[in-house]
């Protein structure tokens, strides 16, 4: 995984800064309003570098910058896949503001940048590709196994083979789903609220073609909800997971983690120790 870190060195090759004494953008600002002066001055965009392993995931930066000379801070626009994704500050401030969910509003400020999941959309998808369902199946089997994620495991190897094929553009159908699945795995833990938006998008897109969510997506939804303190959401997802995949061991672990009833918690502990003593999650949370 590669992440771009924006420093002053990045802007050596960028010219024609447009100077103005204006207020700097903040979280909650409308990106569509911010881009107007760039469009009026016919700003073009310069390729920087690929931000991750996906062949068409390249970030471009505007050749024109807007600078507040009073505070020595400016900003330039960022695009990816021909869509505006946010802006990066220059001068005395080296952070970026990104539109995480594609609604045109700047949502988050961070020191590094990644391409948001929403730039990969394809309204022409009519079904879920077999290879994407195989990816989900691989993840489900990995989480269900006693060992968990092991680099030399055949299932893990197969999952990564499919992922690379999606990254290289071999499959168009379900690519927007594959990117979101990869995106959550890459960034969801470090940026849980970004992960929440990504998972919600992934889950909703999946329901375009299927009536139920796969167990691994529900597991991710439970885990992410607990990570951000949304225990009610985690409980809701857990009950759905129990209905569609009651033998899924990670789901049983979620049940142990969310229950407030000590008697029930103890019963789950005894069941897990008896039936799944060697499972990696049981060892992590119970033993």
Protein backbone atom coordinates (compact mmCIF):
# COMPACT_ATOMS: atom_id res chain seq x y z
CA UNK A 1 0.00 0.00 0.00
CA UNK A 2 1.32 3.40 -0.95
CA UNK A 3 0.17 6.70 0.54
CA UNK A 4 1.15 10.09 -0.79
CA UNK A 5 2.65 12.43 1.76
CA UNK A 6 2.42 16.02 0.55
CA UNK A 7 5.45 18.14 1.26
CA UNK A 8 6.89 21.33 -0.15
CA UNK A 9 8.94 19.28 -2.62
CA UNK A 10 5.79 18.27 -4.46
CA UNK A 11 5.16 21.78 -5.67
CA UNK A 12 8.51 22.57 -7.22
CA UNK A 13 7.16 21.73 -10.67
CA UNK A 14 3.94 23.72 -10.32
CA UNK A 15 3.76 27.32 -11.52
CA UNK A 16 1.45 30.30 -12.04
CA UNK A 17 0.12 30.55 -8.49
CA UNK A 18 -2.88 32.88 -8.28
CA UNK A 19 -2.62 35.03 -5.16
CA UNK A 20 -5.57 36.35 -3.22
CA UNK A 21 -6.32 37.44 0.32
CA UNK A 22 -9.13 35.00 1.03
CA UNK A 23 -10.31 32.74 3.81
CA UNK A 24 -8.94 29.22 3.64
CA UNK A 25 -11.37 26.33 3.10
CA UNK A 26 -12.46 24.30 6.13
CA UNK A 27 -14.33 21.06 6.80
CA UNK A 28 -17.95 21.46 5.72
CA UNK A 29 -17.23 23.79 2.79
CA UNK A 30 -18.77 23.10 -0.61
CA UNK A 31 -16.06 21.99 -3.02
CA UNK A 32 -18.19 23.03 -6.01
CA UNK A 33 -17.98 26.66 -4.86
CA UNK A 34 -14.26 26.47 -4.15
CA UNK A 35 -13.42 25.28 -7.67
CA UNK A 36 -14.99 28.30 -9.42
CA UNK A 37 -11.87 30.54 -9.50
CA UNK A 38 -9.84 27.60 -10.82
CA UNK A 39 -12.30 27.11 -13.65
CA UNK A 40 -12.41 30.83 -14.38
CA UNK A 41 -8.61 30.94 -14.64
CA UNK A 42 -8.60 27.80 -16.82
CA UNK A 43 -6.48 25.80 -14.44
CA UNK A 44 -5.05 22.57 -15.78
CA UNK A 45 -4.02 19.56 -13.75
CA UNK A 46 -0.59 17.99 -13.51
CA UNK A 47 -0.07 14.30 -12.81
CA UNK A 48 1.67 13.67 -9.50
CA UNK A 49 1.93 9.93 -8.83
CA UNK A 50 -0.19 6.85 -8.36
CA UNK A 51 -1.50 6.79 -4.81
CA UNK A 52 -2.09 3.05 -4.58
CA UNK A 53 -1.92 -0.16 -6.55
CA UNK A 54 -4.94 0.46 -8.80
CA UNK A 55 -3.80 1.21 -12.34
CA UNK A 56 -6.18 4.13 -12.89
CA UNK A 57 -5.78 5.67 -9.44
CA UNK A 58 -3.63 8.67 -10.21
CA UNK A 59 -3.88 12.00 -8.39
CA UNK A 60 -3.62 15.23 -10.38
CA UNK A 61 -2.96 18.65 -8.86
CA UNK A 62 -3.94 22.04 -10.27
CA UNK A 63 -1.27 24.24 -11.82
CA UNK A 64 -2.93 27.27 -10.22
CA UNK A 65 -2.91 27.86 -6.50
CA UNK A 66 -4.84 30.34 -4.35
CA UNK A 67 -2.77 31.90 -1.60
CA UNK A 68 -3.62 33.97 1.45
CA UNK A 69 -0.47 36.05 1.71
CA UNK A 70 -1.30 37.26 5.22
CA UNK A 71 -0.93 33.79 6.71
CA UNK A 72 1.32 32.25 4.05
CA UNK A 73 -1.11 29.43 3.38
CA UNK A 74 -2.54 28.45 0.02
CA UNK A 75 -4.23 25.51 -1.59
CA UNK A 76 -4.47 23.67 -4.88
CA UNK A 77 -7.20 21.41 -6.19
CA UNK A 78 -6.91 17.64 -6.42
CA UNK A 79 -8.58 15.39 -8.98
CA UNK A 80 -8.66 11.66 -9.65
CA UNK A 81 -10.43 9.78 -12.42
CA UNK A 82 -11.51 13.20 -13.80
CA UNK A 83 -13.38 14.09 -10.61
CA UNK A 84 -12.62 16.65 -7.90
CA UNK A 85 -11.70 14.87 -4.68
CA UNK A 86 -10.52 17.76 -2.50
CA UNK A 87 -7.61 20.13 -2.05
CA UNK A 88 -4.15 20.22 -0.55
CA UNK A 89 -2.77 23.14 1.45
CA UNK A 90 0.59 24.72 0.67
CA UNK A 91 2.95 27.06 2.44
CA UNK A 92 2.91 26.87 6.24
CA UNK A 93 0.20 24.20 6.26
CA UNK A 94 0.79 20.71 4.84
CA UNK A 95 -2.52 18.90 5.10
CA UNK A 96 -5.32 17.96 2.71
CA UNK A 97 -9.10 18.33 2.82
CA UNK A 98 -11.02 15.52 1.12
CA UNK A 99 -14.54 14.82 -0.02
CA UNK A 100 -14.88 11.32 1.42
CA UNK A 101 -18.37 10.33 0.28
CA UNK A 102 -18.69 12.12 -3.06
CA UNK A 103 -21.36 14.66 -2.06
CA UNK A 104 -19.18 17.67 -2.89
CA UNK A 105 -18.59 18.61 0.77
CA UNK A 106 -15.11 18.59 2.33
CA UNK A 107 -15.35 16.01 5.12
CA UNK A 108 -11.95 15.35 6.64
CA UNK A 109 -8.52 16.95 7.07
CA UNK A 110 -5.44 14.75 7.17
CA UNK A 111 -1.69 14.78 6.64
CA UNK A 112 -1.78 12.16 3.91
CA UNK A 113 -4.14 11.53 1.07
CA UNK A 114 -5.83 8.62 -0.62
CA UNK A 115 -8.27 8.46 -3.48
CA UNK A 116 -11.83 8.18 -2.11
CA UNK A 117 -13.74 5.01 -2.84
CA UNK A 118 -16.56 6.80 -4.66
CA UNK A 119 -14.54 7.64 -7.79
CA UNK A 120 -15.08 4.03 -8.87
CA UNK A 121 -18.74 3.92 -9.89
CA UNK A 122 -20.30 2.03 -12.75
CA UNK A 123 -24.05 2.31 -13.23
CA UNK A 124 -23.88 -0.21 -16.07
CA UNK A 125 -23.25 -3.14 -13.71
CA UNK A 126 -26.14 -5.59 -14.00
CA UNK A 127 -24.96 -8.34 -11.67
CA UNK A 128 -22.18 -9.22 -9.25
CA UNK A 129 -19.26 -10.80 -11.02
CA UNK A 130 -18.32 -14.35 -10.05
CA UNK A 131 -14.78 -13.25 -9.20
CA UNK A 132 -16.03 -10.69 -6.69
CA UNK A 133 -18.19 -13.25 -4.94
CA UNK A 134 -15.16 -15.51 -4.87
CA UNK A 135 -13.20 -12.74 -3.14
CA UNK A 136 -15.92 -12.49 -0.49
CA UNK A 137 -15.92 -16.26 -0.09
CA UNK A 138 -12.15 -16.26 0.36
CA UNK A 139 -12.38 -13.66 3.11
CA UNK A 140 -15.20 -15.53 4.83
CA UNK A 141 -13.17 -18.76 4.82
CA UNK A 142 -10.06 -16.98 6.07
CA UNK A 143 -11.94 -15.40 8.97
CA UNK A 144 -13.61 -18.72 9.75
CA UNK A 145 -10.35 -20.67 9.80
CA UNK A 146 -8.41 -21.26 13.00
CA UNK A 147 -5.29 -19.56 11.60
CA UNK A 148 -6.84 -16.38 10.19
CA UNK A 149 -4.72 -14.41 7.75
CA UNK A 150 -1.51 -16.27 6.92
CA UNK A 151 0.53 -15.03 3.91
CA UNK A 152 1.21 -18.54 2.53
CA UNK A 153 -2.35 -19.77 2.96
CA UNK A 154 -3.77 -20.91 -0.40
CA UNK A 155 -7.06 -19.08 0.16
CA UNK A 156 -5.26 -15.84 1.02
CA UNK A 157 -3.08 -16.24 -2.07
CA UNK A 158 -6.17 -16.74 -4.23
CA UNK A 159 -7.86 -13.67 -2.73
CA UNK A 160 -4.83 -11.53 -3.56
CA UNK A 161 -4.67 -12.96 -7.09
CA UNK A 162 -8.26 -11.85 -7.68
CA UNK A 163 -7.55 -8.46 -6.11
CA UNK A 164 -4.58 -7.87 -8.42
CA UNK A 165 -6.72 -8.79 -11.42
CA UNK A 166 -9.28 -6.17 -10.37
CA UNK A 167 -6.54 -3.64 -9.70
CA UNK A 168 -5.10 -4.18 -13.18
CA UNK A 169 -8.49 -3.65 -14.81
CA UNK A 170 -9.08 -7.24 -15.94
CA UNK A 171 -12.70 -7.10 -14.74
CA UNK A 172 -15.01 -4.14 -15.22
CA UNK A 173 -18.16 -5.59 -13.72
CA UNK A 174 -18.19 -5.29 -9.89
CA UNK A 175 -14.98 -3.26 -9.95
CA UNK A 176 -16.61 -0.53 -7.89
CA UNK A 177 -17.39 -3.17 -5.27
CA UNK A 178 -13.88 -4.59 -5.36
CA UNK A 179 -12.34 -1.15 -4.89
CA UNK A 180 -14.51 -0.45 -1.87
CA UNK A 181 -13.65 -3.82 -0.36
CA UNK A 182 -9.94 -3.13 -0.86
CA UNK A 183 -10.31 0.48 0.33
CA UNK A 184 -11.87 -0.58 3.62
CA UNK A 185 -9.18 -3.20 4.21
CA UNK A 186 -6.48 -0.61 3.50
CA UNK A 187 -7.83 2.41 5.38
CA UNK A 188 -10.83 1.41 7.51
CA UNK A 189 -8.88 0.67 10.68
CA UNK A 190 -6.80 3.86 10.68
CA UNK A 191 -9.72 6.06 9.61
CA UNK A 192 -12.84 4.40 11.08
CA UNK A 193 -15.29 7.13 10.05
CA UNK A 194 -13.97 6.97 6.51
CA UNK A 195 -14.35 3.20 6.81
CA UNK A 196 -17.96 3.63 7.90
CA UNK A 197 -18.83 5.68 4.80
CA UNK A 198 -17.04 3.19 2.56
CA UNK A 199 -18.76 0.17 4.09
CA UNK A 200 -22.17 1.82 3.88
CA UNK A 201 -21.59 2.47 0.20
CA UNK A 202 -20.34 -1.08 -0.37
CA UNK A 203 -23.29 -2.60 1.44
CA UNK A 204 -25.86 -0.47 -0.40
CA UNK A 205 -24.30 -1.20 -3.79
CA UNK A 206 -24.27 -4.91 -3.05
CA UNK A 207 -28.00 -4.82 -2.34
CA UNK A 208 -28.59 -3.59 -5.90
CA UNK A 209 -27.96 -7.15 -7.03
CA UNK A 210 -28.57 -9.37 -3.98
CA UNK A 211 -31.30 -9.49 -1.35
CA UNK A 212 -28.92 -10.20 1.53
CA UNK A 213 -25.46 -9.06 2.54
CA UNK A 214 -22.58 -11.55 2.64
CA UNK A 215 -21.38 -12.47 6.11
CA UNK A 216 -17.95 -10.87 5.71
CA UNK A 217 -19.47 -7.46 4.92
CA UNK A 218 -21.74 -7.78 7.97
CA UNK A 219 -18.70 -8.72 10.04
CA UNK A 220 -16.92 -5.58 8.82
CA UNK A 221 -20.02 -3.47 9.58
CA UNK A 222 -20.15 -4.88 13.13
CA UNK A 223 -16.44 -4.35 13.70
CA UNK A 224 -16.44 -0.82 12.34
CA UNK A 225 -19.51 0.14 14.39
CA UNK A 226 -17.81 -1.05 17.57
CA UNK A 227 -14.66 0.84 16.61
CA UNK A 228 -16.54 4.16 16.42
CA UNK A 229 -18.70 3.47 19.46
CA UNK A 230 -21.94 2.82 17.55
CA UNK A 231 -22.98 -0.18 19.62
CA UNK A 232 -26.64 -0.03 18.57
CA UNK A 233 -25.63 -0.32 14.92
CA UNK A 234 -23.27 -3.18 15.76
CA UNK A 235 -26.13 -4.99 17.51
CA UNK A 236 -28.41 -4.51 14.51
CA UNK A 237 -25.82 -5.88 12.08
CA UNK A 238 -25.02 -8.73 14.47
CA UNK A 239 -28.63 -9.93 14.51
CA UNK A 240 -28.71 -9.94 10.70
CA UNK A 241 -25.41 -11.83 10.62
CA UNK A 242 -26.75 -14.43 13.04
CA UNK A 243 -29.74 -15.06 10.80
CA UNK A 244 -27.82 -15.55 7.57
CA UNK A 245 -24.68 -17.25 8.91
CA UNK A 246 -25.18 -18.53 12.48
CA UNK A 247 -22.08 -20.76 12.36
CA UNK A 248 -19.74 -17.91 11.46
CA UNK A 249 -17.27 -17.83 14.36
CA UNK A 250 -16.37 -14.10 14.06
CA UNK A 251 -20.10 -13.40 14.39
CA UNK A 252 -20.16 -15.33 17.66
CA UNK A 253 -17.25 -13.21 18.86
CA UNK A 254 -19.24 -10.08 18.04
CA UNK A 255 -22.10 -11.45 20.14
CA UNK A 256 -19.71 -11.90 23.05
CA UNK A 257 -18.39 -8.37 22.66
CA UNK A 258 -21.74 -6.56 22.43
CA UNK A 259 -23.81 -8.36 25.10
CA UNK A 260 -24.31 -6.53 28.39
CA UNK A 261 -25.73 -9.57 30.14
CA UNK A 262 -22.97 -11.21 32.19
CA UNK A 263 -24.71 -14.57 32.26
CA UNK A 264 -25.08 -14.55 28.49
CA UNK A 265 -21.46 -13.43 28.10
CA UNK A 266 -20.27 -16.31 30.28
CA UNK A 267 -22.35 -18.78 28.29
CA UNK A 268 -20.82 -17.52 25.04
CA UNK A 269 -17.34 -17.80 26.56
CA UNK A 270 -17.90 -21.41 27.57
CA UNK A 271 -19.33 -22.26 24.15
CA UNK A 272 -16.41 -20.66 22.31
CA UNK A 273 -13.80 -22.35 24.49
CA UNK A 274 -15.50 -25.71 24.05
CA UNK A 275 -16.30 -25.56 20.33
CA UNK A 276 -13.59 -23.27 18.91
CA UNK A 277 -10.61 -23.25 21.32
CA UNK A 278 -8.03 -22.90 18.54
CA UNK A 279 -9.69 -20.10 16.58
CA UNK A 280 -7.54 -16.99 16.28
CA UNK A 281 -10.32 -14.61 17.38
CA UNK A 282 -11.26 -16.79 20.33
CA UNK A 283 -7.62 -16.65 21.45
CA UNK A 284 -7.61 -12.88 20.96
CA UNK A 285 -10.83 -11.98 22.78
CA UNK A 286 -11.69 -14.87 25.11
CA UNK A 287 -8.62 -16.79 26.27
